Amino acid sequence: MSAYVLGIDPALNFGWCIAEITHDSFRPVSLGSVLTESKKKKLRILQADDDDRRIREIWKPVVFHAAHYNVVAICAELPHGAKSARAATALGIAKGITTCISLHLDLALSITNPKALKKAVTGRANASKDDVRSSLETMFPAVCQLWPTDSKGRILEGQTEHAADALGAIVACADSQAITTARKMMT
């Protein structure tokens, strides 16, 4: 018997991963990214209104996939600080989206930070994004078939980065209370 967990890399460019978990392992089954772009100048609207639009663009597909797979827990990567006011706002939005998804689906939420994610995946807290992706491909060879691609089958690097972090969040949270509880529910 297995269950599914949602991994997320929350930001205004949002990565997600659905992984099947069993008693002693897990494997990614679906992943992707929701890339949003600012349109405040183009639409002549306030930044806050544009942020609301972007949140809606993220919310729908992520909640759809979580509901489709009937996920039992969420693992998320969230940084602890921001270097500018806009980055702090985006971090607040990411945290808000993450918490709202958890509350909306009534799921336990485990949070990791970027350094812990890198250490869990590569063994080094200062690993690069490419190191993380390469290590994930070694851990889960089938993930190469899941990376987001264009119509010609070429991997979309910008989207893959966010999806890789979402999968990495699951790896980093593998021993968390949320995953442990999910595994106990499977018996």
N, C-alpha and C. Protein backbone atom coordinates (compact mmCIF):
# COMPACT_ATOMS: atom_id res chain seq x y z
N MET A 1 0.84 -1.18 0.00
CA MET A 1 0.00 0.00 0.00
C MET A 1 0.89 1.24 0.00
N SER A 2 0.46 2.28 -0.70
CA SER A 2 1.27 3.50 -0.76
C SER A 2 0.37 4.72 -0.57
N ALA A 3 1.01 5.84 -0.39
CA ALA A 3 0.33 7.13 -0.26
C ALA A 3 1.17 8.14 -1.02
N TYR A 4 0.66 9.36 -1.14
CA TYR A 4 1.36 10.40 -1.90
C TYR A 4 1.61 11.62 -1.03
N VAL A 5 2.73 12.27 -1.29
CA VAL A 5 3.11 13.48 -0.59
C VAL A 5 3.38 14.57 -1.63
N LEU A 6 3.09 15.81 -1.27
CA LEU A 6 3.33 16.96 -2.14
C LEU A 6 4.57 17.69 -1.66
N GLY A 7 5.53 17.85 -2.53
CA GLY A 7 6.70 18.67 -2.25
C GLY A 7 6.55 19.98 -2.98
N ILE A 8 6.89 21.08 -2.31
CA ILE A 8 6.76 22.37 -2.97
C ILE A 8 7.98 23.25 -2.73
N ASP A 9 8.29 24.02 -3.75
CA ASP A 9 9.29 25.09 -3.69
C ASP A 9 8.49 26.37 -3.90
N PRO A 10 7.98 26.95 -2.81
CA PRO A 10 7.04 28.06 -2.97
C PRO A 10 7.73 29.40 -3.23
N ALA A 11 7.23 30.07 -4.21
CA ALA A 11 7.67 31.41 -4.59
C ALA A 11 6.69 31.89 -5.64
N LEU A 12 6.93 33.05 -6.22
CA LEU A 12 6.06 33.50 -7.30
C LEU A 12 6.37 32.74 -8.59
N ASN A 13 7.44 31.97 -8.60
CA ASN A 13 7.70 30.91 -9.57
C ASN A 13 7.78 29.64 -8.72
N PHE A 14 6.77 28.81 -8.82
CA PHE A 14 6.43 27.79 -7.83
C PHE A 14 6.70 26.39 -8.38
N GLY A 15 7.53 25.62 -7.70
CA GLY A 15 7.79 24.25 -8.10
C GLY A 15 7.00 23.28 -7.25
N TRP A 16 6.55 22.18 -7.85
CA TRP A 16 5.81 21.16 -7.11
C TRP A 16 6.24 19.77 -7.56
N CYS A 17 6.06 18.81 -6.67
CA CYS A 17 6.37 17.42 -6.97
C CYS A 17 5.41 16.54 -6.18
N ILE A 18 4.89 15.53 -6.82
CA ILE A 18 4.10 14.50 -6.14
C ILE A 18 4.97 13.26 -6.09
N ALA A 19 5.13 12.71 -4.89
CA ALA A 19 5.92 11.48 -4.73
C ALA A 19 5.08 10.42 -4.04
N GLU A 20 5.22 9.21 -4.52
CA GLU A 20 4.56 8.07 -3.89
C GLU A 20 5.47 7.60 -2.76
N ILE A 21 4.90 7.46 -1.57
CA ILE A 21 5.69 6.98 -0.45
C ILE A 21 5.21 5.59 -0.05
N THR A 22 6.15 4.78 0.38
CA THR A 22 5.85 3.47 0.93
C THR A 22 6.45 3.44 2.33
N HIS A 23 6.46 2.27 2.95
CA HIS A 23 6.97 2.19 4.32
C HIS A 23 8.44 2.56 4.43
N ASP A 24 9.21 2.33 3.37
CA ASP A 24 10.65 2.57 3.50
C ASP A 24 11.27 3.38 2.37
N SER A 25 10.46 3.88 1.44
CA SER A 25 11.04 4.65 0.33
C SER A 25 9.98 5.57 -0.28
N PHE A 26 10.39 6.26 -1.31
CA PHE A 26 9.44 7.05 -2.10
C PHE A 26 10.01 7.25 -3.49
N ARG A 27 9.13 7.63 -4.42
CA ARG A 27 9.56 7.90 -5.79
C ARG A 27 8.69 8.99 -6.38
N PRO A 28 9.31 9.90 -7.13
CA PRO A 28 8.52 10.97 -7.76
C PRO A 28 7.66 10.39 -8.88
N VAL A 29 6.41 10.85 -8.95
CA VAL A 29 5.51 10.38 -10.00
C VAL A 29 5.05 11.50 -10.92
N SER A 30 5.12 12.74 -10.44
CA SER A 30 4.70 13.88 -11.25
C SER A 30 5.35 15.12 -10.66
N LEU A 31 5.74 16.04 -11.53
CA LEU A 31 6.32 17.29 -11.04
C LEU A 31 6.21 18.37 -12.10
N GLY A 32 6.40 19.58 -11.66
CA GLY A 32 6.32 20.69 -12.60
C GLY A 32 6.55 22.02 -11.91
N SER A 33 6.30 23.07 -12.64
CA SER A 33 6.47 24.43 -12.14
C SER A 33 5.34 25.30 -12.65
N VAL A 34 5.02 26.29 -11.87
CA VAL A 34 4.09 27.32 -12.30
C VAL A 34 4.90 28.61 -12.31
N LEU A 35 5.22 29.08 -13.50
CA LEU A 35 5.99 30.31 -13.63
C LEU A 35 5.02 31.46 -13.88
N THR A 36 5.08 32.44 -13.00
CA THR A 36 4.24 33.62 -13.18
C THR A 36 5.14 34.82 -13.46
N GLU A 37 4.62 35.76 -14.17
CA GLU A 37 5.41 36.96 -14.43
C GLU A 37 4.61 38.19 -14.04
N SER A 38 5.32 39.20 -13.63
CA SER A 38 4.68 40.45 -13.25
C SER A 38 4.07 41.10 -14.49
N LYS A 39 2.82 41.54 -14.34
CA LYS A 39 2.14 42.23 -15.44
C LYS A 39 1.60 43.58 -14.98
N LYS A 40 2.10 44.07 -13.83
CA LYS A 40 1.54 45.30 -13.27
C LYS A 40 1.68 46.48 -14.23
N LYS A 41 2.80 46.59 -14.91
CA LYS A 41 2.98 47.72 -15.84
C LYS A 41 2.10 47.53 -17.07
N LYS A 42 2.09 46.29 -17.58
CA LYS A 42 1.31 46.00 -18.77
C LYS A 42 -0.19 46.21 -18.52
N LEU A 43 -0.66 45.81 -17.34
CA LEU A 43 -2.08 45.93 -17.01
C LEU A 43 -2.42 47.23 -16.29
N ARG A 44 -1.38 48.00 -15.95
CA ARG A 44 -1.55 49.27 -15.23
C ARG A 44 -2.33 49.06 -13.93
N ILE A 45 -1.83 48.12 -13.14
CA ILE A 45 -2.46 47.84 -11.85
C ILE A 45 -1.42 47.94 -10.73
N LEU A 46 -1.89 47.96 -9.51
CA LEU A 46 -1.00 48.01 -8.35
C LEU A 46 -0.27 46.68 -8.18
N GLN A 47 0.90 46.72 -7.55
CA GLN A 47 1.68 45.52 -7.29
C GLN A 47 0.86 44.49 -6.51
N ALA A 48 0.11 44.94 -5.50
CA ALA A 48 -0.68 44.02 -4.69
C ALA A 48 -1.73 43.29 -5.52
N ASP A 49 -2.35 43.98 -6.46
CA ASP A 49 -3.34 43.35 -7.33
C ASP A 49 -2.67 42.33 -8.26
N ASP A 50 -1.48 42.67 -8.73
CA ASP A 50 -0.75 41.74 -9.58
C ASP A 50 -0.31 40.51 -8.78
N ASP A 51 0.08 40.71 -7.53
CA ASP A 51 0.44 39.59 -6.67
C ASP A 51 -0.75 38.66 -6.49
N ASP A 52 -1.94 39.22 -6.28
CA ASP A 52 -3.14 38.40 -6.13
C ASP A 52 -3.39 37.54 -7.38
N ARG A 53 -3.21 38.14 -8.55
CA ARG A 53 -3.38 37.39 -9.80
C ARG A 53 -2.39 36.24 -9.87
N ARG A 54 -1.15 36.51 -9.50
CA ARG A 54 -0.11 35.48 -9.55
C ARG A 54 -0.40 34.35 -8.55
N ILE A 55 -0.90 34.70 -7.38
CA ILE A 55 -1.26 33.69 -6.38
C ILE A 55 -2.33 32.76 -6.94
N ARG A 56 -3.34 33.32 -7.59
CA ARG A 56 -4.39 32.49 -8.19
C ARG A 56 -3.83 31.58 -9.27
N GLU A 57 -2.89 32.08 -10.06
CA GLU A 57 -2.27 31.25 -11.11
C GLU A 57 -1.53 30.06 -10.50
N ILE A 58 -0.95 30.25 -9.34
CA ILE A 58 -0.21 29.18 -8.66
C ILE A 58 -1.18 28.22 -7.98
N TRP A 59 -2.14 28.75 -7.28
CA TRP A 59 -3.05 27.98 -6.44
C TRP A 59 -3.75 26.85 -7.21
N LYS A 60 -4.37 27.19 -8.32
CA LYS A 60 -5.23 26.24 -9.02
C LYS A 60 -4.50 24.95 -9.44
N PRO A 61 -3.39 25.02 -10.16
CA PRO A 61 -2.76 23.75 -10.58
C PRO A 61 -2.15 22.97 -9.42
N VAL A 62 -1.61 23.66 -8.42
CA VAL A 62 -0.99 22.94 -7.31
C VAL A 62 -2.06 22.21 -6.49
N VAL A 63 -3.15 22.88 -6.18
CA VAL A 63 -4.23 22.23 -5.43
C VAL A 63 -4.86 21.12 -6.28
N PHE A 64 -4.99 21.33 -7.58
CA PHE A 64 -5.54 20.29 -8.46
C PHE A 64 -4.70 19.01 -8.37
N HIS A 65 -3.38 19.13 -8.53
CA HIS A 65 -2.52 17.95 -8.48
C HIS A 65 -2.54 17.29 -7.11
N ALA A 66 -2.53 18.10 -6.06
CA ALA A 66 -2.58 17.54 -4.70
C ALA A 66 -3.88 16.76 -4.48
N ALA A 67 -4.99 17.31 -4.94
CA ALA A 67 -6.28 16.63 -4.79
C ALA A 67 -6.35 15.39 -5.69
N HIS A 68 -5.84 15.49 -6.90
CA HIS A 68 -5.86 14.36 -7.84
C HIS A 68 -5.15 13.14 -7.25
N TYR A 69 -4.01 13.37 -6.61
CA TYR A 69 -3.24 12.27 -6.02
C TYR A 69 -3.63 11.99 -4.57
N ASN A 70 -4.56 12.77 -4.02
CA ASN A 70 -5.01 12.58 -2.65
C ASN A 70 -3.82 12.56 -1.69
N VAL A 71 -2.99 13.58 -1.77
CA VAL A 71 -1.78 13.63 -0.95
C VAL A 71 -2.12 13.63 0.54
N VAL A 72 -1.20 13.09 1.33
CA VAL A 72 -1.43 12.96 2.77
C VAL A 72 -0.54 13.88 3.60
N ALA A 73 0.41 14.54 2.96
CA ALA A 73 1.31 15.46 3.68
C ALA A 73 1.97 16.39 2.67
N ILE A 74 2.52 17.49 3.18
CA ILE A 74 3.23 18.47 2.35
C ILE A 74 4.61 18.70 2.94
N CYS A 75 5.60 18.76 2.05
CA CYS A 75 6.97 19.12 2.43
C CYS A 75 7.35 20.34 1.61
N ALA A 76 7.89 21.36 2.27
CA ALA A 76 8.20 22.61 1.57
C ALA A 76 9.58 23.12 1.93
N GLU A 77 10.22 23.74 0.94
CA GLU A 77 11.47 24.46 1.17
C GLU A 77 11.13 25.93 1.31
N LEU A 78 11.52 26.52 2.43
CA LEU A 78 11.30 27.95 2.62
C LEU A 78 12.57 28.59 3.17
N PRO A 79 13.06 29.62 2.51
CA PRO A 79 14.23 30.34 3.05
C PRO A 79 13.83 31.11 4.31
N HIS A 80 14.82 31.53 5.08
CA HIS A 80 14.55 32.22 6.34
C HIS A 80 14.69 33.73 6.27
N GLY A 81 15.18 34.28 5.20
CA GLY A 81 15.38 35.72 5.16
C GLY A 81 15.29 36.25 3.75
N ALA A 82 15.23 37.57 3.65
CA ALA A 82 15.15 38.23 2.35
C ALA A 82 16.11 39.41 2.34
N LYS A 83 16.58 39.76 1.14
CA LYS A 83 17.58 40.82 1.01
C LYS A 83 17.00 42.17 0.60
N SER A 84 15.69 42.21 0.34
CA SER A 84 15.06 43.48 -0.04
C SER A 84 13.60 43.44 0.40
N ALA A 85 12.96 44.58 0.34
CA ALA A 85 11.54 44.65 0.72
C ALA A 85 10.69 43.80 -0.22
N ARG A 86 10.98 43.85 -1.52
CA ARG A 86 10.20 43.06 -2.47
C ARG A 86 10.42 41.57 -2.24
N ALA A 87 11.67 41.16 -1.96
CA ALA A 87 11.95 39.76 -1.68
C ALA A 87 11.24 39.32 -0.40
N ALA A 88 11.17 40.19 0.59
CA ALA A 88 10.46 39.87 1.83
C ALA A 88 8.97 39.69 1.56
N THR A 89 8.42 40.53 0.70
CA THR A 89 7.00 40.40 0.33
C THR A 89 6.77 39.07 -0.39
N ALA A 90 7.64 38.75 -1.34
CA ALA A 90 7.50 37.49 -2.08
C ALA A 90 7.64 36.30 -1.13
N LEU A 91 8.54 36.37 -0.16
CA LEU A 91 8.71 35.31 0.83
C LEU A 91 7.44 35.16 1.66
N GLY A 92 6.84 36.28 2.05
CA GLY A 92 5.57 36.24 2.79
C GLY A 92 4.46 35.61 1.97
N ILE A 93 4.41 35.95 0.70
CA ILE A 93 3.41 35.36 -0.20
C ILE A 93 3.64 33.86 -0.31
N ALA A 94 4.89 33.43 -0.48
CA ALA A 94 5.21 32.01 -0.59
C ALA A 94 4.80 31.26 0.67
N LYS A 95 5.11 31.81 1.81
CA LYS A 95 4.73 31.19 3.08
C LYS A 95 3.22 31.13 3.20
N GLY A 96 2.55 32.21 2.80
CA GLY A 96 1.08 32.23 2.85
C GLY A 96 0.45 31.19 1.95
N ILE A 97 0.95 31.06 0.72
CA ILE A 97 0.42 30.05 -0.20
C ILE A 97 0.62 28.66 0.39
N THR A 98 1.82 28.42 0.92
CA THR A 98 2.14 27.11 1.50
C THR A 98 1.19 26.78 2.65
N THR A 99 1.02 27.71 3.55
CA THR A 99 0.14 27.48 4.70
C THR A 99 -1.30 27.31 4.26
N CYS A 100 -1.76 28.11 3.32
CA CYS A 100 -3.14 28.00 2.84
C CYS A 100 -3.41 26.66 2.16
N ILE A 101 -2.47 26.17 1.38
CA ILE A 101 -2.64 24.85 0.76
C ILE A 101 -2.74 23.78 1.84
N SER A 102 -1.87 23.86 2.84
CA SER A 102 -1.91 22.91 3.95
C SER A 102 -3.25 22.96 4.68
N LEU A 103 -3.73 24.15 4.98
CA LEU A 103 -5.00 24.30 5.67
C LEU A 103 -6.18 23.88 4.79
N HIS A 104 -6.16 24.28 3.53
CA HIS A 104 -7.25 23.96 2.60
C HIS A 104 -7.42 22.45 2.44
N LEU A 105 -6.29 21.74 2.37
CA LEU A 105 -6.34 20.29 2.19
C LEU A 105 -6.29 19.53 3.52
N ASP A 106 -6.19 20.27 4.63
CA ASP A 106 -6.12 19.70 5.97
C ASP A 106 -4.98 18.68 6.08
N LEU A 107 -3.78 19.13 5.70
CA LEU A 107 -2.61 18.26 5.68
C LEU A 107 -1.50 18.79 6.58
N ALA A 108 -0.74 17.86 7.14
CA ALA A 108 0.45 18.23 7.90
C ALA A 108 1.47 18.86 6.97
N LEU A 109 2.21 19.82 7.48
CA LEU A 109 3.20 20.55 6.69
C LEU A 109 4.56 20.45 7.38
N SER A 110 5.56 19.98 6.65
CA SER A 110 6.95 19.97 7.13
C SER A 110 7.74 20.96 6.29
N ILE A 111 8.55 21.76 6.97
CA ILE A 111 9.31 22.80 6.28
C ILE A 111 10.81 22.55 6.47
N THR A 112 11.55 22.72 5.39
CA THR A 112 13.00 22.66 5.44
C THR A 112 13.54 23.97 4.87
N ASN A 113 14.82 24.21 5.05
CA ASN A 113 15.42 25.42 4.48
C ASN A 113 16.39 25.02 3.37
N PRO A 114 16.83 25.97 2.56
CA PRO A 114 17.67 25.63 1.41
C PRO A 114 18.96 24.87 1.77
N LYS A 115 19.63 25.26 2.83
CA LYS A 115 20.87 24.58 3.21
C LYS A 115 20.60 23.13 3.64
N ALA A 116 19.54 22.92 4.42
CA ALA A 116 19.19 21.56 4.85
C ALA A 116 18.80 20.69 3.66
N LEU A 117 18.07 21.29 2.70
CA LEU A 117 17.69 20.56 1.49
C LEU A 117 18.94 20.13 0.72
N LYS A 118 19.85 21.06 0.49
CA LYS A 118 21.09 20.74 -0.25
C LYS A 118 21.89 19.66 0.46
N LYS A 119 21.98 19.76 1.79
CA LYS A 119 22.73 18.76 2.57
C LYS A 119 22.07 17.39 2.47
N ALA A 120 20.75 17.35 2.56
CA ALA A 120 20.03 16.08 2.48
C ALA A 120 20.18 15.41 1.12
N VAL A 121 20.20 16.23 0.07
CA VAL A 121 20.26 15.69 -1.29
C VAL A 121 21.69 15.38 -1.74
N THR A 122 22.62 16.29 -1.45
CA THR A 122 23.99 16.14 -1.98
C THR A 122 25.03 15.79 -0.93
N GLY A 123 24.69 16.01 0.35
CA GLY A 123 25.68 15.83 1.41
C GLY A 123 26.46 17.09 1.72
N ARG A 124 26.19 18.18 0.95
CA ARG A 124 26.90 19.46 1.15
C ARG A 124 25.89 20.60 1.23
N ALA A 125 25.97 21.39 2.28
CA ALA A 125 25.04 22.50 2.47
C ALA A 125 25.25 23.63 1.48
N ASN A 126 26.42 23.68 0.84
CA ASN A 126 26.71 24.77 -0.11
C ASN A 126 26.65 24.29 -1.56
N ALA A 127 25.95 23.22 -1.83
CA ALA A 127 25.86 22.67 -3.19
C ALA A 127 25.15 23.64 -4.13
N SER A 128 25.47 23.57 -5.39
CA SER A 128 24.82 24.41 -6.41
C SER A 128 23.49 23.78 -6.83
N LYS A 129 22.69 24.55 -7.55
CA LYS A 129 21.43 24.04 -8.10
C LYS A 129 21.69 22.85 -9.02
N ASP A 130 22.74 22.93 -9.82
CA ASP A 130 23.09 21.82 -10.72
C ASP A 130 23.49 20.58 -9.93
N ASP A 131 24.21 20.77 -8.82
CA ASP A 131 24.58 19.63 -7.97
C ASP A 131 23.33 18.96 -7.41
N VAL A 132 22.36 19.76 -6.99
CA VAL A 132 21.12 19.21 -6.44
C VAL A 132 20.40 18.40 -7.51
N ARG A 133 20.24 18.98 -8.68
CA ARG A 133 19.54 18.27 -9.76
C ARG A 133 20.26 16.99 -10.14
N SER A 134 21.57 17.03 -10.27
CA SER A 134 22.36 15.85 -10.61
C SER A 134 22.21 14.76 -9.56
N SER A 135 22.26 15.14 -8.29
CA SER A 135 22.10 14.16 -7.21
C SER A 135 20.70 13.54 -7.23
N LEU A 136 19.69 14.37 -7.49
CA LEU A 136 18.32 13.84 -7.58
C LEU A 136 18.19 12.85 -8.74
N GLU A 137 18.84 13.15 -9.86
CA GLU A 137 18.80 12.25 -11.01
C GLU A 137 19.51 10.93 -10.70
N THR A 138 20.53 10.97 -9.85
CA THR A 138 21.21 9.74 -9.43
C THR A 138 20.32 8.95 -8.47
N MET A 139 19.67 9.64 -7.54
CA MET A 139 18.80 8.99 -6.57
C MET A 139 17.55 8.40 -7.23
N PHE A 140 17.01 9.12 -8.20
CA PHE A 140 15.75 8.76 -8.86
C PHE A 140 15.95 8.83 -10.37
N PRO A 141 16.55 7.82 -10.99
CA PRO A 141 16.83 7.90 -12.43
C PRO A 141 15.60 8.21 -13.29
N ALA A 142 14.44 7.77 -12.87
CA ALA A 142 13.23 8.01 -13.66
C ALA A 142 12.80 9.47 -13.66
N VAL A 143 13.36 10.28 -12.74
CA VAL A 143 12.96 11.69 -12.69
C VAL A 143 13.36 12.42 -13.97
N CYS A 144 14.36 11.93 -14.67
CA CYS A 144 14.78 12.56 -15.93
C CYS A 144 13.63 12.60 -16.93
N GLN A 145 12.72 11.63 -16.84
CA GLN A 145 11.57 11.59 -17.74
C GLN A 145 10.45 12.52 -17.28
N LEU A 146 10.56 13.03 -16.05
CA LEU A 146 9.51 13.87 -15.49
C LEU A 146 9.81 15.36 -15.56
N TRP A 147 11.10 15.72 -15.79
CA TRP A 147 11.43 17.16 -15.82
C TRP A 147 10.57 17.87 -16.86
N PRO A 148 10.16 19.10 -16.58
CA PRO A 148 9.36 19.86 -17.55
C PRO A 148 10.13 20.05 -18.87
N THR A 149 9.43 19.84 -19.99
CA THR A 149 10.04 19.97 -21.32
C THR A 149 9.18 20.85 -22.21
N ASP A 150 9.80 21.33 -23.29
CA ASP A 150 9.04 22.09 -24.28
C ASP A 150 8.43 21.13 -25.29
N SER A 151 7.81 21.66 -26.30
CA SER A 151 7.12 20.83 -27.30
C SER A 151 8.07 19.94 -28.09
N LYS A 152 9.37 20.25 -28.08
CA LYS A 152 10.35 19.43 -28.79
C LYS A 152 11.07 18.47 -27.85
N GLY A 153 10.62 18.39 -26.60
CA GLY A 153 11.21 17.46 -25.65
C GLY A 153 12.47 17.96 -24.96
N ARG A 154 12.81 19.23 -25.14
CA ARG A 154 13.99 19.79 -24.47
C ARG A 154 13.62 20.20 -23.05
N ILE A 155 14.50 19.89 -22.11
CA ILE A 155 14.26 20.23 -20.71
C ILE A 155 14.25 21.74 -20.55
N LEU A 156 13.26 22.24 -19.83
CA LEU A 156 13.12 23.66 -19.54
C LEU A 156 13.86 23.95 -18.24
N GLU A 157 15.08 24.45 -18.37
CA GLU A 157 15.97 24.62 -17.22
C GLU A 157 15.35 25.45 -16.10
N GLY A 158 14.76 26.60 -16.42
CA GLY A 158 14.19 27.46 -15.38
C GLY A 158 13.09 26.78 -14.59
N GLN A 159 12.28 25.98 -15.24
CA GLN A 159 11.21 25.27 -14.56
C GLN A 159 11.74 24.06 -13.80
N THR A 160 12.76 23.42 -14.34
CA THR A 160 13.32 22.23 -13.70
C THR A 160 13.92 22.58 -12.35
N GLU A 161 14.54 23.73 -12.24
CA GLU A 161 15.15 24.17 -10.98
C GLU A 161 14.13 24.16 -9.84
N HIS A 162 12.93 24.70 -10.10
CA HIS A 162 11.90 24.78 -9.07
C HIS A 162 11.31 23.40 -8.76
N ALA A 163 11.12 22.59 -9.79
CA ALA A 163 10.61 21.23 -9.58
C ALA A 163 11.62 20.39 -8.81
N ALA A 164 12.91 20.57 -9.10
CA ALA A 164 13.96 19.85 -8.39
C ALA A 164 13.96 20.23 -6.91
N ASP A 165 13.79 21.50 -6.61
CA ASP A 165 13.74 21.92 -5.21
C ASP A 165 12.51 21.33 -4.50
N ALA A 166 11.41 21.18 -5.22
CA ALA A 166 10.21 20.57 -4.63
C ALA A 166 10.48 19.11 -4.28
N LEU A 167 11.13 18.38 -5.20
CA LEU A 167 11.51 16.99 -4.91
C LEU A 167 12.54 16.96 -3.78
N GLY A 168 13.48 17.87 -3.80
CA GLY A 168 14.48 17.95 -2.74
C GLY A 168 13.85 18.20 -1.38
N ALA A 169 12.77 18.96 -1.33
CA ALA A 169 12.07 19.20 -0.06
C ALA A 169 11.54 17.89 0.51
N ILE A 170 11.06 17.02 -0.35
CA ILE A 170 10.57 15.71 0.11
C ILE A 170 11.73 14.89 0.67
N VAL A 171 12.85 14.90 -0.04
CA VAL A 171 14.04 14.17 0.43
C VAL A 171 14.46 14.71 1.80
N ALA A 172 14.51 16.03 1.94
CA ALA A 172 14.96 16.65 3.19
C ALA A 172 13.98 16.40 4.34
N CYS A 173 12.71 16.22 4.03
CA CYS A 173 11.69 16.01 5.06
C CYS A 173 11.33 14.54 5.25
N ALA A 174 12.10 13.64 4.66
CA ALA A 174 11.75 12.21 4.67
C ALA A 174 11.56 11.64 6.07
N ASP A 175 12.25 12.17 7.05
CA ASP A 175 12.11 11.67 8.43
C ASP A 175 11.26 12.59 9.29
N SER A 176 10.53 13.50 8.67
CA SER A 176 9.71 14.45 9.42
C SER A 176 8.50 13.77 10.04
N GLN A 177 7.89 14.47 10.97
CA GLN A 177 6.69 13.95 11.62
C GLN A 177 5.57 13.71 10.60
N ALA A 178 5.44 14.61 9.62
CA ALA A 178 4.37 14.47 8.62
C ALA A 178 4.53 13.18 7.81
N ILE A 179 5.74 12.89 7.37
CA ILE A 179 5.96 11.68 6.56
C ILE A 179 5.87 10.43 7.45
N THR A 180 6.41 10.51 8.65
CA THR A 180 6.32 9.38 9.58
C THR A 180 4.87 9.03 9.88
N THR A 181 4.06 10.05 10.12
CA THR A 181 2.62 9.84 10.37
C THR A 181 1.95 9.24 9.15
N ALA A 182 2.28 9.75 7.96
CA ALA A 182 1.70 9.22 6.72
C ALA A 182 2.04 7.74 6.56
N ARG A 183 3.26 7.38 6.87
CA ARG A 183 3.66 5.97 6.75
C ARG A 183 2.91 5.10 7.76
N LYS A 184 2.69 5.60 8.95
CA LYS A 184 1.93 4.85 9.96
C LYS A 184 0.48 4.65 9.53
N MET A 185 -0.08 5.64 8.83
CA MET A 185 -1.48 5.54 8.38
C MET A 185 -1.65 4.46 7.33
N MET A 186 -0.56 4.06 6.67
CA MET A 186 -0.65 3.07 5.59
C MET A 186 -0.79 1.65 6.12
N THR A 187 -0.61 1.43 7.40
CA THR A 187 -0.70 0.06 7.93
C THR A 187 -2.10 -0.34 8.22
